[in-house]
Amino acid sequence: MKRIGILALIAIFFSVATAIASTDCECMLPCCQCQQPVVKDVHPPPPPPPPPVQERVSIILNILFDFDKAVVKDKYYADVKKIADLMHEFPDKNITIEGHTDDFGTEEYNQKLSGERAKSVRQYLIDKFGINGSRLTSVGYGEVKPIAKNDTAEGRQKNRRVEAVLEAIRIK
């Protein structure tokens, strides 16, 4: 009889141990009285987002002028707008607008004309696009920084210009 009792105890013990091991609820009872659904996270957590990408933004403004003129032509309005758009996007950036001439005329006259060309572009940015004038510097270099030879009409045209460069870092 002792054997049967011991065998019965062993059988009960194994059935309880098996029930406890096979239960998926948090209470760990073999009868599972809690009736709670078992939620298992079978998917690993998503990876962290990638770090922000930095993109270098650079725009070069190059406006050509007619002989002895300081008026911005209509065909350059879209180019000036691109500079204005970037200045609105990067309100901490300032820009220097540089005026140039060919070598026709006196150095003194060309110095004055190049300054007027740079001021013309500066004023256009202020008037048409609302750029704060304190962010814009205009300077005239006269004929001292040619990018082409002044002995041809084509070369002189290239030298009658205003240049500006805006560089910034855009974070995506």
N, C-alpha and C. Protein backbone atom coordinates (compact mmCIF):
# COMPACT_ATOMS: atom_id res chain seq x y z
N MET A 1 0.82 -1.16 0.00
CA MET A 1 0.00 0.00 0.00
C MET A 1 0.87 1.25 0.00
N LYS A 2 1.99 1.17 0.68
CA LYS A 2 2.89 2.30 0.69
C LYS A 2 3.37 2.62 -0.71
N ARG A 3 3.58 1.55 -1.49
CA ARG A 3 4.04 1.77 -2.86
C ARG A 3 3.01 2.52 -3.66
N ILE A 4 1.78 2.14 -3.52
CA ILE A 4 0.72 2.79 -4.28
C ILE A 4 0.61 4.24 -3.83
N GLY A 5 0.71 4.48 -2.56
CA GLY A 5 0.64 5.85 -2.04
C GLY A 5 1.79 6.70 -2.54
N ILE A 6 2.98 6.13 -2.53
CA ILE A 6 4.17 6.85 -3.02
C ILE A 6 4.04 7.07 -4.52
N LEU A 7 3.59 6.06 -5.25
CA LEU A 7 3.40 6.22 -6.70
C LEU A 7 2.34 7.27 -6.98
N ALA A 8 1.30 7.30 -6.17
CA ALA A 8 0.25 8.31 -6.37
C ALA A 8 0.80 9.70 -6.10
N LEU A 9 1.60 9.84 -5.06
CA LEU A 9 2.21 11.13 -4.77
C LEU A 9 3.15 11.57 -5.89
N ILE A 10 3.93 10.63 -6.38
CA ILE A 10 4.85 10.96 -7.49
C ILE A 10 4.06 11.38 -8.71
N ALA A 11 2.99 10.66 -9.02
CA ALA A 11 2.16 10.99 -10.18
C ALA A 11 1.54 12.37 -10.02
N ILE A 12 1.05 12.67 -8.85
CA ILE A 12 0.45 14.00 -8.60
C ILE A 12 1.53 15.08 -8.74
N PHE A 13 2.70 14.81 -8.15
CA PHE A 13 3.78 15.78 -8.21
C PHE A 13 4.15 16.09 -9.66
N PHE A 14 4.31 15.07 -10.50
CA PHE A 14 4.68 15.27 -11.90
C PHE A 14 3.58 15.98 -12.68
N SER A 15 2.33 15.66 -12.37
CA SER A 15 1.25 16.32 -13.10
C SER A 15 1.18 17.79 -12.72
N VAL A 16 1.41 18.12 -11.44
CA VAL A 16 1.43 19.52 -11.01
C VAL A 16 2.62 20.23 -11.61
N ALA A 17 3.78 19.60 -11.57
CA ALA A 17 4.99 20.21 -12.14
C ALA A 17 4.83 20.44 -13.63
N THR A 18 4.24 19.49 -14.34
CA THR A 18 4.02 19.63 -15.77
C THR A 18 3.02 20.74 -16.03
N ALA A 19 1.97 20.82 -15.25
CA ALA A 19 0.96 21.87 -15.43
C ALA A 19 1.58 23.24 -15.17
N ILE A 20 2.39 23.34 -14.15
CA ILE A 20 3.03 24.62 -13.85
C ILE A 20 3.98 25.00 -14.98
N ALA A 21 4.75 24.08 -15.47
CA ALA A 21 5.72 24.36 -16.52
C ALA A 21 5.03 24.72 -17.83
N SER A 22 3.83 24.15 -18.07
CA SER A 22 3.19 24.40 -19.36
C SER A 22 2.28 25.61 -19.33
N THR A 23 2.04 26.20 -18.14
CA THR A 23 1.15 27.36 -18.09
C THR A 23 1.88 28.59 -18.62
N ASP A 24 1.16 29.45 -19.35
CA ASP A 24 1.75 30.66 -19.95
C ASP A 24 1.33 31.92 -19.23
N CYS A 25 0.52 31.77 -18.18
CA CYS A 25 0.06 32.98 -17.50
C CYS A 25 1.07 33.38 -16.44
N GLU A 26 0.92 34.59 -15.96
CA GLU A 26 1.86 35.12 -14.99
C GLU A 26 1.67 34.53 -13.60
N CYS A 27 0.46 33.99 -13.31
CA CYS A 27 0.21 33.49 -11.97
C CYS A 27 0.89 32.14 -11.73
N MET A 28 1.21 31.43 -12.78
CA MET A 28 1.91 30.15 -12.70
C MET A 28 1.10 29.06 -11.99
N LEU A 29 -0.22 29.20 -11.89
CA LEU A 29 -1.05 28.17 -11.28
C LEU A 29 -1.42 27.13 -12.34
N PRO A 30 -1.48 25.85 -11.97
CA PRO A 30 -1.81 24.83 -12.97
C PRO A 30 -3.23 24.94 -13.49
N CYS A 31 -4.09 25.53 -12.69
CA CYS A 31 -5.48 25.61 -13.15
C CYS A 31 -5.77 26.89 -13.91
N CYS A 32 -4.91 27.84 -13.90
CA CYS A 32 -5.00 29.11 -14.62
C CYS A 32 -6.31 29.82 -14.32
N GLN A 33 -6.44 30.29 -13.12
CA GLN A 33 -7.65 30.97 -12.68
C GLN A 33 -7.73 32.42 -13.17
N CYS A 34 -6.64 33.01 -13.63
CA CYS A 34 -6.63 34.44 -13.93
C CYS A 34 -7.34 34.79 -15.23
N GLN A 35 -7.47 33.89 -16.14
CA GLN A 35 -8.18 34.09 -17.41
C GLN A 35 -7.60 35.27 -18.21
N GLN A 36 -6.36 35.65 -17.97
CA GLN A 36 -5.74 36.76 -18.71
C GLN A 36 -5.13 36.22 -19.99
N PRO A 37 -5.28 36.99 -21.08
CA PRO A 37 -4.63 36.56 -22.32
C PRO A 37 -3.11 36.65 -22.16
N VAL A 38 -2.45 35.74 -22.77
CA VAL A 38 -1.00 35.72 -22.72
C VAL A 38 -0.47 36.47 -23.94
N VAL A 39 0.34 37.48 -23.70
CA VAL A 39 0.92 38.27 -24.79
C VAL A 39 2.42 38.05 -24.77
N LYS A 40 2.88 37.53 -25.84
CA LYS A 40 4.31 37.32 -25.98
C LYS A 40 4.83 38.21 -27.09
N ASP A 41 5.93 38.91 -26.85
CA ASP A 41 6.54 39.76 -27.87
C ASP A 41 7.54 38.91 -28.64
N VAL A 42 7.14 38.48 -29.82
CA VAL A 42 7.99 37.60 -30.60
C VAL A 42 8.87 38.38 -31.57
N HIS A 43 8.63 39.72 -31.71
CA HIS A 43 9.43 40.54 -32.62
C HIS A 43 10.43 41.37 -31.83
N PRO A 44 11.64 41.48 -32.32
CA PRO A 44 12.61 42.32 -31.62
C PRO A 44 12.20 43.80 -31.78
N PRO A 45 12.66 44.64 -30.89
CA PRO A 45 12.30 46.05 -31.01
C PRO A 45 12.88 46.63 -32.32
N PRO A 46 12.24 47.66 -32.87
CA PRO A 46 12.75 48.23 -34.13
C PRO A 46 14.09 48.89 -33.89
N PRO A 47 14.90 48.95 -34.92
CA PRO A 47 16.21 49.60 -34.75
C PRO A 47 16.02 51.09 -34.54
N PRO A 48 16.97 51.75 -33.93
CA PRO A 48 16.85 53.20 -33.73
C PRO A 48 16.88 53.91 -35.08
N PRO A 49 16.29 55.10 -35.17
CA PRO A 49 16.30 55.82 -36.45
C PRO A 49 17.74 56.21 -36.81
N PRO A 50 18.02 56.35 -38.10
CA PRO A 50 19.37 56.74 -38.49
C PRO A 50 19.66 58.17 -38.04
N PRO A 51 20.92 58.48 -37.86
CA PRO A 51 21.26 59.85 -37.45
C PRO A 51 20.89 60.83 -38.56
N PRO A 52 20.65 62.10 -38.23
CA PRO A 52 20.31 63.08 -39.25
C PRO A 52 21.44 63.21 -40.29
N VAL A 53 21.03 63.46 -41.51
CA VAL A 53 22.00 63.60 -42.60
C VAL A 53 22.28 65.08 -42.80
N GLN A 54 23.54 65.42 -42.85
CA GLN A 54 23.91 66.81 -43.12
C GLN A 54 24.22 66.95 -44.60
N GLU A 55 23.64 67.98 -45.18
CA GLU A 55 23.82 68.23 -46.60
C GLU A 55 24.39 69.63 -46.76
N ARG A 56 25.48 69.73 -47.48
CA ARG A 56 26.09 71.03 -47.73
C ARG A 56 25.30 71.72 -48.83
N VAL A 57 24.89 72.95 -48.57
CA VAL A 57 24.13 73.74 -49.53
C VAL A 57 25.00 74.91 -49.96
N SER A 58 25.15 75.07 -51.25
CA SER A 58 25.97 76.16 -51.78
C SER A 58 25.31 76.69 -53.04
N ILE A 59 25.20 77.99 -53.12
CA ILE A 59 24.65 78.60 -54.32
C ILE A 59 25.52 79.78 -54.71
N ILE A 60 25.78 79.88 -55.98
CA ILE A 60 26.61 80.96 -56.52
C ILE A 60 25.73 81.82 -57.40
N LEU A 61 25.70 83.08 -57.09
CA LEU A 61 24.94 84.04 -57.89
C LEU A 61 25.91 84.70 -58.85
N ASN A 62 25.57 84.70 -60.12
CA ASN A 62 26.40 85.33 -61.12
C ASN A 62 25.49 86.08 -62.08
N ILE A 63 25.43 87.39 -61.93
CA ILE A 63 24.58 88.24 -62.75
C ILE A 63 25.47 89.08 -63.66
N LEU A 64 25.16 89.07 -64.94
CA LEU A 64 25.92 89.87 -65.90
C LEU A 64 25.17 91.16 -66.20
N PHE A 65 25.92 92.21 -66.49
CA PHE A 65 25.34 93.54 -66.73
C PHE A 65 25.75 94.04 -68.11
N ASP A 66 24.90 94.92 -68.64
CA ASP A 66 25.23 95.60 -69.89
C ASP A 66 26.31 96.64 -69.62
N PHE A 67 26.96 97.08 -70.67
CA PHE A 67 28.01 98.08 -70.57
C PHE A 67 27.47 99.34 -69.88
N ASP A 68 28.18 99.79 -68.88
CA ASP A 68 27.89 101.04 -68.17
C ASP A 68 26.53 101.02 -67.47
N LYS A 69 26.01 99.85 -67.13
CA LYS A 69 24.70 99.73 -66.48
C LYS A 69 24.84 99.02 -65.13
N ALA A 70 23.84 99.32 -64.23
CA ALA A 70 23.81 98.68 -62.92
C ALA A 70 22.41 98.15 -62.61
N VAL A 71 21.63 97.90 -63.65
CA VAL A 71 20.25 97.43 -63.48
C VAL A 71 20.22 95.91 -63.65
N VAL A 72 19.57 95.23 -62.69
CA VAL A 72 19.43 93.78 -62.77
C VAL A 72 18.40 93.45 -63.85
N LYS A 73 18.80 92.62 -64.80
CA LYS A 73 17.90 92.24 -65.90
C LYS A 73 16.88 91.21 -65.43
N ASP A 74 15.72 91.23 -66.08
CA ASP A 74 14.64 90.29 -65.74
C ASP A 74 15.09 88.83 -65.76
N LYS A 75 15.96 88.51 -66.68
CA LYS A 75 16.35 87.10 -66.82
C LYS A 75 17.12 86.57 -65.61
N TYR A 76 17.56 87.47 -64.71
CA TYR A 76 18.30 87.05 -63.52
C TYR A 76 17.44 87.03 -62.26
N TYR A 77 16.16 87.41 -62.37
CA TYR A 77 15.29 87.46 -61.19
C TYR A 77 15.18 86.09 -60.51
N ALA A 78 15.05 85.04 -61.29
CA ALA A 78 14.91 83.69 -60.71
C ALA A 78 16.19 83.30 -59.95
N ASP A 79 17.34 83.72 -60.47
CA ASP A 79 18.60 83.41 -59.78
C ASP A 79 18.69 84.15 -58.45
N VAL A 80 18.25 85.40 -58.44
CA VAL A 80 18.27 86.17 -57.21
C VAL A 80 17.28 85.56 -56.21
N LYS A 81 16.15 85.08 -56.70
CA LYS A 81 15.15 84.45 -55.83
C LYS A 81 15.73 83.22 -55.14
N LYS A 82 16.57 82.45 -55.83
CA LYS A 82 17.18 81.27 -55.22
C LYS A 82 18.02 81.66 -54.01
N ILE A 83 18.77 82.75 -54.15
CA ILE A 83 19.56 83.25 -53.02
C ILE A 83 18.63 83.67 -51.89
N ALA A 84 17.57 84.40 -52.23
CA ALA A 84 16.61 84.86 -51.22
C ALA A 84 15.96 83.67 -50.50
N ASP A 85 15.59 82.64 -51.24
CA ASP A 85 14.97 81.46 -50.63
C ASP A 85 15.91 80.81 -49.62
N LEU A 86 17.18 80.70 -49.98
CA LEU A 86 18.15 80.10 -49.04
C LEU A 86 18.37 81.01 -47.83
N MET A 87 18.34 82.31 -48.06
CA MET A 87 18.52 83.22 -46.93
C MET A 87 17.33 83.14 -45.97
N HIS A 88 16.14 82.89 -46.50
CA HIS A 88 14.98 82.68 -45.63
C HIS A 88 15.11 81.35 -44.89
N GLU A 89 15.62 80.32 -45.55
CA GLU A 89 15.80 79.01 -44.92
C GLU A 89 16.88 79.04 -43.84
N PHE A 90 17.90 79.86 -44.05
CA PHE A 90 19.02 79.95 -43.10
C PHE A 90 19.13 81.39 -42.60
N PRO A 91 18.27 81.76 -41.66
CA PRO A 91 18.23 83.15 -41.21
C PRO A 91 19.47 83.62 -40.46
N ASP A 92 20.37 82.72 -40.13
CA ASP A 92 21.59 83.11 -39.45
C ASP A 92 22.74 83.39 -40.42
N LYS A 93 22.49 83.21 -41.72
CA LYS A 93 23.55 83.40 -42.72
C LYS A 93 23.50 84.82 -43.28
N ASN A 94 24.68 85.38 -43.47
CA ASN A 94 24.85 86.68 -44.13
C ASN A 94 25.53 86.45 -45.47
N ILE A 95 25.49 87.45 -46.32
CA ILE A 95 26.07 87.27 -47.64
C ILE A 95 26.75 88.57 -48.07
N THR A 96 27.84 88.42 -48.80
CA THR A 96 28.52 89.56 -49.40
C THR A 96 28.29 89.51 -50.90
N ILE A 97 27.83 90.62 -51.45
CA ILE A 97 27.54 90.74 -52.87
C ILE A 97 28.68 91.57 -53.48
N GLU A 98 29.37 90.97 -54.45
CA GLU A 98 30.57 91.58 -55.01
C GLU A 98 30.32 92.05 -56.44
N GLY A 99 30.55 93.34 -56.69
CA GLY A 99 30.38 93.90 -58.03
C GLY A 99 31.71 94.02 -58.75
N HIS A 100 31.66 93.84 -60.07
CA HIS A 100 32.87 93.89 -60.91
C HIS A 100 32.57 94.61 -62.22
N THR A 101 33.63 95.07 -62.88
CA THR A 101 33.48 95.71 -64.18
C THR A 101 34.55 95.18 -65.14
N ASP A 102 34.41 95.56 -66.41
CA ASP A 102 35.50 95.33 -67.34
C ASP A 102 36.49 96.49 -67.18
N ASP A 103 37.49 96.58 -68.05
CA ASP A 103 38.50 97.62 -67.86
C ASP A 103 38.29 98.86 -68.72
N PHE A 104 37.13 99.00 -69.34
CA PHE A 104 36.82 100.22 -70.08
C PHE A 104 36.49 101.33 -69.08
N GLY A 105 37.02 102.49 -69.26
CA GLY A 105 36.79 103.61 -68.36
C GLY A 105 37.92 103.71 -67.34
N THR A 106 37.81 104.73 -66.52
CA THR A 106 38.86 104.93 -65.52
C THR A 106 38.66 103.97 -64.35
N GLU A 107 39.74 103.75 -63.64
CA GLU A 107 39.64 102.87 -62.47
C GLU A 107 38.66 103.44 -61.45
N GLU A 108 38.68 104.73 -61.28
CA GLU A 108 37.77 105.37 -60.32
C GLU A 108 36.30 105.17 -60.72
N TYR A 109 36.02 105.39 -62.00
CA TYR A 109 34.65 105.21 -62.49
C TYR A 109 34.21 103.74 -62.35
N ASN A 110 35.07 102.82 -62.72
CA ASN A 110 34.74 101.40 -62.64
C ASN A 110 34.54 100.95 -61.19
N GLN A 111 35.31 101.53 -60.28
CA GLN A 111 35.12 101.21 -58.86
C GLN A 111 33.72 101.63 -58.42
N LYS A 112 33.32 102.83 -58.80
CA LYS A 112 32.00 103.33 -58.45
C LYS A 112 30.90 102.48 -59.10
N LEU A 113 31.04 102.16 -60.40
CA LEU A 113 30.05 101.37 -61.13
C LEU A 113 29.91 99.97 -60.53
N SER A 114 31.01 99.34 -60.16
CA SER A 114 30.93 98.00 -59.57
C SER A 114 30.20 98.03 -58.23
N GLY A 115 30.42 99.07 -57.45
CA GLY A 115 29.69 99.23 -56.20
C GLY A 115 28.20 99.43 -56.42
N GLU A 116 27.84 100.19 -57.47
CA GLU A 116 26.42 100.40 -57.79
C GLU A 116 25.76 99.10 -58.24
N ARG A 117 26.49 98.28 -58.95
CA ARG A 117 25.94 96.98 -59.38
C ARG A 117 25.66 96.10 -58.16
N ALA A 118 26.61 96.04 -57.25
CA ALA A 118 26.42 95.23 -56.04
C ALA A 118 25.25 95.78 -55.21
N LYS A 119 25.16 97.09 -55.09
CA LYS A 119 24.05 97.70 -54.34
C LYS A 119 22.72 97.43 -55.01
N SER A 120 22.70 97.39 -56.32
CA SER A 120 21.47 97.12 -57.06
C SER A 120 20.92 95.74 -56.72
N VAL A 121 21.78 94.74 -56.69
CA VAL A 121 21.36 93.37 -56.33
C VAL A 121 20.96 93.32 -54.86
N ARG A 122 21.71 93.99 -54.02
CA ARG A 122 21.38 94.03 -52.58
C ARG A 122 19.99 94.63 -52.38
N GLN A 123 19.73 95.75 -53.03
CA GLN A 123 18.45 96.41 -52.87
C GLN A 123 17.30 95.57 -53.42
N TYR A 124 17.56 94.83 -54.48
CA TYR A 124 16.54 93.94 -55.05
C TYR A 124 16.18 92.85 -54.04
N LEU A 125 17.16 92.29 -53.36
CA LEU A 125 16.91 91.28 -52.33
C LEU A 125 16.08 91.86 -51.18
N ILE A 126 16.34 93.09 -50.83
CA ILE A 126 15.61 93.74 -49.75
C ILE A 126 14.18 94.04 -50.18
N ASP A 127 14.03 94.70 -51.34
CA ASP A 127 12.71 95.16 -51.80
C ASP A 127 11.78 94.04 -52.22
N LYS A 128 12.27 93.09 -52.97
CA LYS A 128 11.41 92.05 -53.55
C LYS A 128 11.22 90.84 -52.64
N PHE A 129 12.19 90.57 -51.76
CA PHE A 129 12.13 89.33 -50.98
C PHE A 129 12.16 89.56 -49.47
N GLY A 130 12.24 90.81 -49.06
CA GLY A 130 12.18 91.12 -47.63
C GLY A 130 13.38 90.68 -46.83
N ILE A 131 14.52 90.53 -47.48
CA ILE A 131 15.74 90.16 -46.75
C ILE A 131 16.20 91.38 -45.95
N ASN A 132 16.53 91.16 -44.70
CA ASN A 132 17.00 92.25 -43.85
C ASN A 132 18.34 92.76 -44.38
N GLY A 133 18.41 94.06 -44.60
CA GLY A 133 19.62 94.67 -45.15
C GLY A 133 20.86 94.46 -44.31
N SER A 134 20.68 94.21 -43.00
CA SER A 134 21.85 93.99 -42.15
C SER A 134 22.55 92.66 -42.46
N ARG A 135 21.87 91.80 -43.18
CA ARG A 135 22.45 90.50 -43.56
C ARG A 135 23.17 90.57 -44.90
N LEU A 136 23.09 91.71 -45.57
CA LEU A 136 23.64 91.86 -46.92
C LEU A 136 24.72 92.93 -46.94
N THR A 137 25.88 92.56 -47.43
CA THR A 137 26.97 93.51 -47.60
C THR A 137 27.26 93.60 -49.08
N SER A 138 27.40 94.81 -49.57
CA SER A 138 27.76 94.98 -50.98
C SER A 138 29.11 95.67 -51.06
N VAL A 139 29.91 95.19 -52.00
CA VAL A 139 31.24 95.75 -52.19
C VAL A 139 31.56 95.78 -53.68
N GLY A 140 32.21 96.84 -54.10
CA GLY A 140 32.62 96.96 -55.50
C GLY A 140 34.12 96.77 -55.62
N TYR A 141 34.52 95.94 -56.58
CA TYR A 141 35.93 95.69 -56.80
C TYR A 141 36.46 96.36 -58.07
N GLY A 142 35.59 97.02 -58.80
CA GLY A 142 36.04 97.66 -60.03
C GLY A 142 36.52 96.63 -61.02
N GLU A 143 37.66 96.92 -61.60
CA GLU A 143 38.21 96.06 -62.66
C GLU A 143 39.36 95.17 -62.19
N VAL A 144 39.58 95.10 -60.87
CA VAL A 144 40.77 94.42 -60.34
C VAL A 144 40.65 92.90 -60.23
N LYS A 145 39.47 92.35 -60.42
CA LYS A 145 39.30 90.89 -60.31
C LYS A 145 38.60 90.33 -61.55
N PRO A 146 39.23 90.45 -62.69
CA PRO A 146 38.59 89.92 -63.91
C PRO A 146 38.60 88.39 -63.90
N ILE A 147 37.59 87.82 -64.56
CA ILE A 147 37.56 86.36 -64.71
C ILE A 147 37.84 85.97 -66.17
N ALA A 148 37.95 87.00 -67.03
CA ALA A 148 38.25 86.77 -68.44
C ALA A 148 39.10 87.94 -68.92
N LYS A 149 39.72 87.75 -70.06
CA LYS A 149 40.52 88.83 -70.64
C LYS A 149 39.59 89.92 -71.16
N ASN A 150 40.01 91.15 -71.04
CA ASN A 150 39.21 92.28 -71.48
C ASN A 150 39.47 92.69 -72.93
N ASP A 151 40.17 91.86 -73.69
CA ASP A 151 40.50 92.24 -75.07
C ASP A 151 39.45 91.76 -76.08
N THR A 152 38.39 91.08 -75.61
CA THR A 152 37.29 90.69 -76.51
C THR A 152 35.96 91.13 -75.88
N ALA A 153 34.95 91.29 -76.71
CA ALA A 153 33.61 91.67 -76.21
C ALA A 153 33.08 90.61 -75.26
N GLU A 154 33.31 89.36 -75.59
CA GLU A 154 32.85 88.25 -74.74
C GLU A 154 33.53 88.28 -73.37
N GLY A 155 34.82 88.52 -73.37
CA GLY A 155 35.57 88.60 -72.12
C GLY A 155 35.11 89.77 -71.27
N ARG A 156 34.91 90.93 -71.90
CA ARG A 156 34.43 92.09 -71.15
C ARG A 156 33.04 91.83 -70.55
N GLN A 157 32.17 91.16 -71.31
CA GLN A 157 30.83 90.84 -70.80
C GLN A 157 30.91 89.96 -69.56
N LYS A 158 31.79 88.98 -69.55
CA LYS A 158 31.94 88.11 -68.38
C LYS A 158 32.43 88.87 -67.16
N ASN A 159 33.22 89.92 -67.38
CA ASN A 159 33.76 90.70 -66.27
C ASN A 159 32.76 91.70 -65.70
N ARG A 160 31.73 92.05 -66.45
CA ARG A 160 30.68 92.97 -65.97
C ARG A 160 29.66 92.14 -65.21
N ARG A 161 29.92 91.90 -63.93
CA ARG A 161 29.14 90.92 -63.19
C ARG A 161 29.01 91.28 -61.71
N VAL A 162 28.07 90.61 -61.09
CA VAL A 162 27.95 90.61 -59.63
C VAL A 162 27.94 89.15 -59.22
N GLU A 163 28.70 88.85 -58.19
CA GLU A 163 28.79 87.49 -57.66
C GLU A 163 28.43 87.49 -56.18
N ALA A 164 27.86 86.40 -55.76
CA ALA A 164 27.58 86.18 -54.33
C ALA A 164 27.57 84.68 -54.10
N VAL A 165 28.04 84.27 -52.97
CA VAL A 165 28.07 82.85 -52.62
C VAL A 165 27.42 82.69 -51.25
N LEU A 166 26.53 81.72 -51.17
CA LEU A 166 25.90 81.39 -49.89
C LEU A 166 26.17 79.90 -49.65
N GLU A 167 26.76 79.60 -48.50
CA GLU A 167 27.02 78.22 -48.12
C GLU A 167 26.41 77.96 -46.74
N ALA A 168 25.79 76.81 -46.60
CA ALA A 168 25.16 76.44 -45.33
C ALA A 168 25.10 74.93 -45.23
N ILE A 169 24.71 74.45 -44.06
CA ILE A 169 24.52 73.02 -43.81
C ILE A 169 23.03 72.81 -43.51
N ARG A 170 22.42 71.96 -44.32
CA ARG A 170 21.01 71.60 -44.12
C ARG A 170 20.97 70.23 -43.46
N ILE A 171 20.17 70.12 -42.39
CA ILE A 171 20.03 68.83 -41.70
C ILE A 171 18.69 68.25 -42.10
N LYS A 172 18.76 67.02 -42.65
CA LYS A 172 17.54 66.36 -43.10
C LYS A 172 17.04 65.44 -42.03
